[in-house]
Amino acid sequence: MGESAEHRIEVHLDEVLAARGMTLVELSAIVGVTVANLSILKNGHARAVRFSTLTAICDALDCSPGELLTVTKPT
């Protein structure tokens, strides 16, 4: 898989935030990650996520990584 290859990871941050009644701004304050960086993740444009950041997001949203991220089938 080259650097330019498209990934098949889908991010479900919007859905989890809505289910928890939380905004991206609130999550940002809790997690200590900028709204801009969370927005990049939320929109599926992130190239990487630190495990420490993923852990903090999961802790704040009381969820597992599998609720935030899924892998789609190849087309």
Foldseek 3Di string as FASTA:
>chain_A
DDPPDDFQKAFDPVVLCVVQVHDLVRLCVQLVHDSVVVVCVNVVNDPDDDPSSQVSSCVVSVHHVVVGMDGDDDD
